[in-house]
Amino acid sequence: MEELNFEQAMEELEKIATELENGKLTLDESVEKFEKGMKLSKKCSEYLDNAEKKITVLIKTDENMEEDDFTI
């Protein structure tokens, strides 16, 4: 899977959800789309977790709001 940014991953996830909801896919296609959707969901969750950690680091720094690296 190509590296997508958060917005691209969410857009792709929404497309997959729509395709699954319309019920026009075969069982194999549905399973394939569901699997891709789960991977995209995990990627979006990772993006959000990293953003939350970055915000936390920024908030905890002194008044200069210096950004520190963090590890996952």
PDB file of N, CA and C in Angstrom:
ATOM      1  N   MET A   1       0.851  -1.178   0.000  1.00  0.00           N
ATOM      2  CA  MET A   1       0.000   0.000   0.000  1.00  0.00           C
ATOM      3  C   MET A   1       0.894   1.239   0.000  1.00  0.00           C
ATOM      4  N   GLU A   2       0.603   2.180  -0.899  1.00  0.00           N
ATOM      5  CA  GLU A   2       1.396   3.400  -0.949  1.00  0.00           C
ATOM      6  C   GLU A   2       1.189   4.215   0.313  1.00  0.00           C
ATOM      7  N   GLU A   3       2.174   5.022   0.638  1.00  0.00           N
ATOM      8  CA  GLU A   3       2.095   5.838   1.847  1.00  0.00           C
ATOM      9  C   GLU A   3       1.136   7.011   1.610  1.00  0.00           C
ATOM     10  N   LEU A   4       0.051   7.040   2.331  1.00  0.00           N
ATOM     11  CA  LEU A   4      -0.943   8.095   2.226  1.00  0.00           C
ATOM     12  C   LEU A   4      -0.857   8.989   3.445  1.00  0.00           C
ATOM     13  N   ASN A   5      -1.196  10.266   3.276  1.00  0.00           N
ATOM     14  CA  ASN A   5      -1.299  11.116   4.453  1.00  0.00           C
ATOM     15  C   ASN A   5      -2.661  10.850   5.104  1.00  0.00           C
ATOM     16  N   PHE A   6      -2.897  11.457   6.235  1.00  0.00           N
ATOM     17  CA  PHE A   6      -4.119  11.195   6.998  1.00  0.00           C
ATOM     18  C   PHE A   6      -5.375  11.474   6.171  1.00  0.00           C
ATOM     19  N   GLU A   7      -5.408  12.612   5.508  1.00  0.00           N
ATOM     20  CA  GLU A   7      -6.592  12.994   4.753  1.00  0.00           C
ATOM     21  C   GLU A   7      -6.861  12.030   3.599  1.00  0.00           C
ATOM     22  N   GLN A   8      -5.798  11.602   2.910  1.00  0.00           N
ATOM     23  CA  GLN A   8      -5.957  10.649   1.812  1.00  0.00           C
ATOM     24  C   GLN A   8      -6.453   9.303   2.334  1.00  0.00           C
ATOM     25  N   ALA A   9      -5.904   8.860   3.449  1.00  0.00           N
ATOM     26  CA  ALA A   9      -6.317   7.585   4.039  1.00  0.00           C
ATOM     27  C   ALA A   9      -7.783   7.637   4.458  1.00  0.00           C
ATOM     28  N   MET A  10      -8.207   8.744   5.058  1.00  0.00           N
ATOM     29  CA  MET A  10      -9.607   8.880   5.471  1.00  0.00           C
ATOM     30  C   MET A  10     -10.537   8.888   4.259  1.00  0.00           C
ATOM     31  N   GLU A  11     -10.127   9.576   3.212  1.00  0.00           N
ATOM     32  CA  GLU A  11     -10.941   9.627   1.998  1.00  0.00           C
ATOM     33  C   GLU A  11     -11.095   8.226   1.400  1.00  0.00           C
ATOM     34  N   GLU A  12     -10.006   7.479   1.342  1.00  0.00           N
ATOM     35  CA  GLU A  12     -10.055   6.116   0.825  1.00  0.00           C
ATOM     36  C   GLU A  12     -10.926   5.223   1.720  1.00  0.00           C
ATOM     37  N   LEU A  13     -10.816   5.407   3.015  1.00  0.00           N
ATOM     38  CA  LEU A  13     -11.625   4.637   3.963  1.00  0.00           C
ATOM     39  C   LEU A  13     -13.112   4.933   3.775  1.00  0.00           C
ATOM     40  N   GLU A  14     -13.455   6.180   3.540  1.00  0.00           N
ATOM     41  CA  GLU A  14     -14.854   6.555   3.298  1.00  0.00           C
ATOM     42  C   GLU A  14     -15.381   5.919   2.016  1.00  0.00           C
ATOM     43  N   LYS A  15     -14.543   5.876   0.973  1.00  0.00           N
ATOM     44  CA  LYS A  15     -14.948   5.235  -0.280  1.00  0.00           C
ATOM     45  C   LYS A  15     -15.221   3.750  -0.062  1.00  0.00           C
ATOM     46  N   ILE A  16     -14.338   3.107   0.675  1.00  0.00           N
ATOM     47  CA  ILE A  16     -14.513   1.683   0.954  1.00  0.00           C
ATOM     48  C   ILE A  16     -15.793   1.444   1.744  1.00  0.00           C
ATOM     49  N   ALA A  17     -16.055   2.281   2.743  1.00  0.00           N
ATOM     50  CA  ALA A  17     -17.272   2.130   3.548  1.00  0.00           C
ATOM     51  C   ALA A  17     -18.514   2.264   2.665  1.00  0.00           C
ATOM     52  N   THR A  18     -18.494   3.213   1.755  1.00  0.00           N
ATOM     53  CA  THR A  18     -19.625   3.407   0.843  1.00  0.00           C
ATOM     54  C   THR A  18     -19.816   2.191  -0.049  1.00  0.00           C
ATOM     55  N   GLU A  19     -18.716   1.662  -0.592  1.00  0.00           N
ATOM     56  CA  GLU A  19     -18.797   0.478  -1.449  1.00  0.00           C
ATOM     57  C   GLU A  19     -19.349  -0.725  -0.686  1.00  0.00           C
ATOM     58  N   LEU A  20     -18.909  -0.879   0.557  1.00  0.00           N
ATOM     59  CA  LEU A  20     -19.395  -2.002   1.366  1.00  0.00           C
ATOM     60  C   LEU A  20     -20.871  -1.828   1.711  1.00  0.00           C
ATOM     61  N   GLU A  21     -21.278  -0.592   1.979  1.00  0.00           N
ATOM     62  CA  GLU A  21     -22.668  -0.329   2.355  1.00  0.00           C
ATOM     63  C   GLU A  21     -23.643  -0.531   1.204  1.00  0.00           C
ATOM     64  N   ASN A  22     -23.195  -0.281  -0.038  1.00  0.00           N
ATOM     65  CA  ASN A  22     -24.139  -0.389  -1.156  1.00  0.00           C
ATOM     66  C   ASN A  22     -24.474  -1.833  -1.500  1.00  0.00           C
ATOM     67  N   GLY A  23     -23.690  -2.791  -1.010  1.00  0.00           N
ATOM     68  CA  GLY A  23     -24.028  -4.201  -1.150  1.00  0.00           C
ATOM     69  C   GLY A  23     -23.895  -4.775  -2.543  1.00  0.00           C
ATOM     70  N   LYS A  24     -23.193  -4.113  -3.431  1.00  0.00           N
ATOM     71  CA  LYS A  24     -23.074  -4.593  -4.810  1.00  0.00           C
ATOM     72  C   LYS A  24     -21.797  -5.391  -5.065  1.00  0.00           C
ATOM     73  N   LEU A  25     -20.991  -5.594  -4.050  1.00  0.00           N
ATOM     74  CA  LEU A  25     -19.744  -6.333  -4.205  1.00  0.00           C
ATOM     75  C   LEU A  25     -19.966  -7.822  -3.960  1.00  0.00           C
ATOM     76  N   THR A  26     -19.131  -8.634  -4.580  1.00  0.00           N
ATOM     77  CA  THR A  26     -19.173 -10.065  -4.285  1.00  0.00           C
ATOM     78  C   THR A  26     -18.591 -10.271  -2.890  1.00  0.00           C
ATOM     79  N   LEU A  27     -18.741 -11.478  -2.385  1.00  0.00           N
ATOM     80  CA  LEU A  27     -18.200 -11.789  -1.069  1.00  0.00           C
ATOM     81  C   LEU A  27     -16.685 -11.590  -1.051  1.00  0.00           C
ATOM     82  N   ASP A  28     -16.007 -12.093  -2.071  1.00  0.00           N
ATOM     83  CA  ASP A  28     -14.549 -11.944  -2.135  1.00  0.00           C
ATOM     84  C   ASP A  28     -14.141 -10.477  -2.202  1.00  0.00           C
ATOM     85  N   GLU A  29     -14.847  -9.694  -2.998  1.00  0.00           N
ATOM     86  CA  GLU A  29     -14.550  -8.263  -3.096  1.00  0.00           C
ATOM     87  C   GLU A  29     -14.796  -7.573  -1.761  1.00  0.00           C
ATOM     88  N   SER A  30     -15.870  -7.948  -1.098  1.00  0.00           N
ATOM     89  CA  SER A  30     -16.202  -7.352   0.197  1.00  0.00           C
ATOM     90  C   SER A  30     -15.121  -7.653   1.230  1.00  0.00           C
ATOM     91  N   VAL A  31     -14.670  -8.897   1.258  1.00  0.00           N
ATOM     92  CA  VAL A  31     -13.619  -9.277   2.208  1.00  0.00           C
ATOM     93  C   VAL A  31     -12.333  -8.502   1.904  1.00  0.00           C
ATOM     94  N   GLU A  32     -11.996  -8.386   0.619  1.00  0.00           N
ATOM     95  CA  GLU A  32     -10.798  -7.644   0.216  1.00  0.00           C
ATOM     96  C   GLU A  32     -10.906  -6.170   0.618  1.00  0.00           C
ATOM     97  N   LYS A  33     -12.055  -5.567   0.362  1.00  0.00           N
ATOM     98  CA  LYS A  33     -12.267  -4.161   0.732  1.00  0.00           C
ATOM     99  C   LYS A  33     -12.233  -3.988   2.252  1.00  0.00           C
ATOM    100  N   PHE A  34     -12.843  -4.926   2.965  1.00  0.00           N
ATOM    101  CA  PHE A  34     -12.853  -4.859   4.428  1.00  0.00           C
ATOM    102  C   PHE A  34     -11.426  -4.921   4.965  1.00  0.00           C
ATOM    103  N   GLU A  35     -10.624  -5.828   4.416  1.00  0.00           N
ATOM    104  CA  GLU A  35      -9.231  -5.963   4.844  1.00  0.00           C
ATOM    105  C   GLU A  35      -8.449  -4.674   4.580  1.00  0.00           C
ATOM    106  N   LYS A  36      -8.632  -4.087   3.407  1.00  0.00           N
ATOM    107  CA  LYS A  36      -7.961  -2.826   3.085  1.00  0.00           C
ATOM    108  C   LYS A  36      -8.444  -1.720   4.024  1.00  0.00           C
ATOM    109  N   GLY A  37      -9.738  -1.725   4.305  1.00  0.00           N
ATOM    110  CA  GLY A  37     -10.299  -0.726   5.214  1.00  0.00           C
ATOM    111  C   GLY A  37      -9.719  -0.836   6.611  1.00  0.00           C
ATOM    112  N   MET A  38      -9.514  -2.052   7.082  1.00  0.00           N
ATOM    113  CA  MET A  38      -8.925  -2.252   8.409  1.00  0.00           C
ATOM    114  C   MET A  38      -7.497  -1.718   8.452  1.00  0.00           C
ATOM    115  N   LYS A  39      -6.733  -1.941   7.392  1.00  0.00           N
ATOM    116  CA  LYS A  39      -5.361  -1.423   7.323  1.00  0.00           C
ATOM    117  C   LYS A  39      -5.366   0.106   7.321  1.00  0.00           C
ATOM    118  N   LEU A  40      -6.285   0.689   6.549  1.00  0.00           N
ATOM    119  CA  LEU A  40      -6.383   2.145   6.513  1.00  0.00           C
ATOM    120  C   LEU A  40      -6.812   2.702   7.867  1.00  0.00           C
ATOM    121  N   SER A  41      -7.739   2.022   8.516  1.00  0.00           N
ATOM    122  CA  SER A  41      -8.198   2.447   9.839  1.00  0.00           C
ATOM    123  C   SER A  41      -7.047   2.446  10.842  1.00  0.00           C
ATOM    124  N   LYS A  42      -6.239   1.412  10.781  1.00  0.00           N
ATOM    125  CA  LYS A  42      -5.078   1.323  11.675  1.00  0.00           C
ATOM    126  C   LYS A  42      -4.102   2.458  11.386  1.00  0.00           C
ATOM    127  N   LYS A  43      -3.885   2.752  10.115  1.00  0.00           N
ATOM    128  CA  LYS A  43      -2.966   3.830   9.730  1.00  0.00           C
ATOM    129  C   LYS A  43      -3.496   5.174  10.233  1.00  0.00           C
ATOM    130  N   CYS A  44      -4.791   5.411  10.075  1.00  0.00           N
ATOM    131  CA  CYS A  44      -5.383   6.667  10.554  1.00  0.00           C
ATOM    132  C   CYS A  44      -5.243   6.776  12.067  1.00  0.00           C
ATOM    133  N   SER A  45      -5.451   5.689  12.750  1.00  0.00           N
ATOM    134  CA  SER A  45      -5.306   5.671  14.202  1.00  0.00           C
ATOM    135  C   SER A  45      -3.873   6.009  14.610  1.00  0.00           C
ATOM    136  N   GLU A  46      -2.902   5.484  13.869  1.00  0.00           N
ATOM    137  CA  GLU A  46      -1.494   5.791  14.151  1.00  0.00           C
ATOM    138  C   GLU A  46      -1.210   7.279  13.939  1.00  0.00           C
ATOM    139  N   TYR A  47      -1.755   7.837  12.854  1.00  0.00           N
ATOM    140  CA  TYR A  47      -1.585   9.278  12.608  1.00  0.00           C
ATOM    141  C   TYR A  47      -2.147  10.096  13.774  1.00  0.00           C
ATOM    142  N   LEU A  48      -3.333   9.730  14.242  1.00  0.00           N
ATOM    143  CA  LEU A  48      -3.969  10.463  15.337  1.00  0.00           C
ATOM    144  C   LEU A  48      -3.194  10.299  16.645  1.00  0.00           C
ATOM    145  N   ASP A  49      -2.712   9.093  16.908  1.00  0.00           N
ATOM    146  CA  ASP A  49      -1.911   8.864  18.120  1.00  0.00           C
ATOM    147  C   ASP A  49      -0.641   9.703  18.098  1.00  0.00           C
ATOM    148  N   ASN A  50       0.019   9.737  16.946  1.00  0.00           N
ATOM    149  CA  ASN A  50       1.250  10.525  16.825  1.00  0.00           C
ATOM    150  C   ASN A  50       0.975  12.021  16.986  1.00  0.00           C
ATOM    151  N   ALA A  51      -0.130  12.485  16.422  1.00  0.00           N
ATOM    152  CA  ALA A  51      -0.492  13.897  16.566  1.00  0.00           C
ATOM    153  C   ALA A  51      -0.770  14.219  18.032  1.00  0.00           C
ATOM    154  N   GLU A  52      -1.464  13.319  18.727  1.00  0.00           N
ATOM    155  CA  GLU A  52      -1.764  13.532  20.140  1.00  0.00           C
ATOM    156  C   GLU A  52      -0.475  13.594  20.962  1.00  0.00           C
ATOM    157  N   LYS A  53       0.463  12.692  20.668  1.00  0.00           N
ATOM    158  CA  LYS A  53       1.737  12.697  21.380  1.00  0.00           C
ATOM    159  C   LYS A  53       2.507  13.982  21.125  1.00  0.00           C
ATOM    160  N   LYS A  54       2.496  14.438  19.888  1.00  0.00           N
ATOM    161  CA  LYS A  54       3.207  15.672  19.536  1.00  0.00           C
ATOM    162  C   LYS A  54       2.596  16.863  20.278  1.00  0.00           C
ATOM    163  N   ILE A  55       1.278  16.922  20.331  1.00  0.00           N
ATOM    164  CA  ILE A  55       0.600  18.006  21.043  1.00  0.00           C
ATOM    165  C   ILE A  55       0.931  17.951  22.527  1.00  0.00           C
ATOM    166  N   THR A  56       0.946  16.748  23.086  1.00  0.00           N
ATOM    167  CA  THR A  56       1.275  16.584  24.500  1.00  0.00           C
ATOM    168  C   THR A  56       2.678  17.088  24.792  1.00  0.00           C
ATOM    169  N   VAL A  57       3.630  16.747  23.920  1.00  0.00           N
ATOM    170  CA  VAL A  57       5.009  17.207  24.099  1.00  0.00           C
ATOM    171  C   VAL A  57       5.061  18.727  24.035  1.00  0.00           C
ATOM    172  N   LEU A  58       4.343  19.319  23.105  1.00  0.00           N
ATOM    173  CA  LEU A  58       4.348  20.778  22.976  1.00  0.00           C
ATOM    174  C   LEU A  58       3.749  21.452  24.208  1.00  0.00           C
ATOM    175  N   ILE A  59       2.684  20.895  24.729  1.00  0.00           N
ATOM    176  CA  ILE A  59       2.020  21.482  25.892  1.00  0.00           C
ATOM    177  C   ILE A  59       2.909  21.397  27.125  1.00  0.00           C
ATOM    178  N   LYS A  60       3.669  20.327  27.268  1.00  0.00           N
ATOM    179  CA  LYS A  60       4.479  20.119  28.455  1.00  0.00           C
ATOM    180  C   LYS A  60       5.793  20.890  28.443  1.00  0.00           C
ATOM    181  N   THR A  61       6.151  21.477  27.325  1.00  0.00           N
ATOM    182  CA  THR A  61       7.398  22.235  27.271  1.00  0.00           C
ATOM    183  C   THR A  61       7.200  23.604  27.911  1.00  0.00           C
ATOM    184  N   ASP A  62       8.282  24.307  28.065  1.00  0.00           N
ATOM    185  CA  ASP A  62       8.201  25.628  28.702  1.00  0.00           C
ATOM    186  C   ASP A  62       7.495  26.640  27.812  1.00  0.00           C
ATOM    187  N   GLU A  63       7.519  27.874  28.218  1.00  0.00           N
ATOM    188  CA  GLU A  63       6.789  28.923  27.519  1.00  0.00           C
ATOM    189  C   GLU A  63       7.282  29.156  26.102  1.00  0.00           C
ATOM    190  N   ASN A  64       8.478  28.702  25.786  1.00  0.00           N
ATOM    191  CA  ASN A  64       9.015  28.884  24.439  1.00  0.00           C
ATOM    192  C   ASN A  64       8.362  27.954  23.425  1.00  0.00           C
ATOM    193  N   MET A  65       7.585  26.990  23.922  1.00  0.00           N
ATOM    194  CA  MET A  65       6.889  26.042  23.071  1.00  0.00           C
ATOM    195  C   MET A  65       7.847  25.333  22.110  1.00  0.00           C
ATOM    196  N   GLU A  66       8.957  24.889  22.637  1.00  0.00           N
ATOM    197  CA  GLU A  66       9.906  24.147  21.829  1.00  0.00           C
ATOM    198  C   GLU A  66       9.388  22.734  21.625  1.00  0.00           C
ATOM    199  N   GLU A  67       9.569  22.252  20.408  1.00  0.00           N
ATOM    200  CA  GLU A  67       9.114  20.918  20.080  1.00  0.00           C
ATOM    201  C   GLU A  67      10.220  19.919  20.382  1.00  0.00           C
ATOM    202  N   ASP A  68       9.882  18.848  21.109  1.00  0.00           N
ATOM    203  CA  ASP A  68      10.819  17.787  21.398  1.00  0.00           C
ATOM    204  C   ASP A  68      10.442  16.551  20.605  1.00  0.00           C
ATOM    205  N   ASP A  69      11.432  15.728  20.302  1.00  0.00           N
ATOM    206  CA  ASP A  69      11.168  14.457  19.654  1.00  0.00           C
ATOM    207  C   ASP A  69      10.528  13.512  20.663  1.00  0.00           C
ATOM    208  N   PHE A  70       9.755  12.608  20.158  1.00  0.00           N
ATOM    209  CA  PHE A  70       9.179  11.580  21.009  1.00  0.00           C
ATOM    210  C   PHE A  70       9.326  10.245  20.305  1.00  0.00           C
ATOM    211  N   THR A  71       9.303   9.206  21.074  1.00  0.00           N
ATOM    212  CA  THR A  71       9.409   7.875  20.497  1.00  0.00           C
ATOM    213  C   THR A  71       8.101   7.147  20.669  1.00  0.00           C
ATOM    214  N   ILE A  72       7.865   6.245  19.776  1.00  0.00           N
ATOM    215  CA  ILE A  72       6.625   5.472  19.801  1.00  0.00           C
ATOM    216  C   ILE A  72       6.876   4.158  20.491  1.00  0.00           C
TER     217      ILE A  72
END
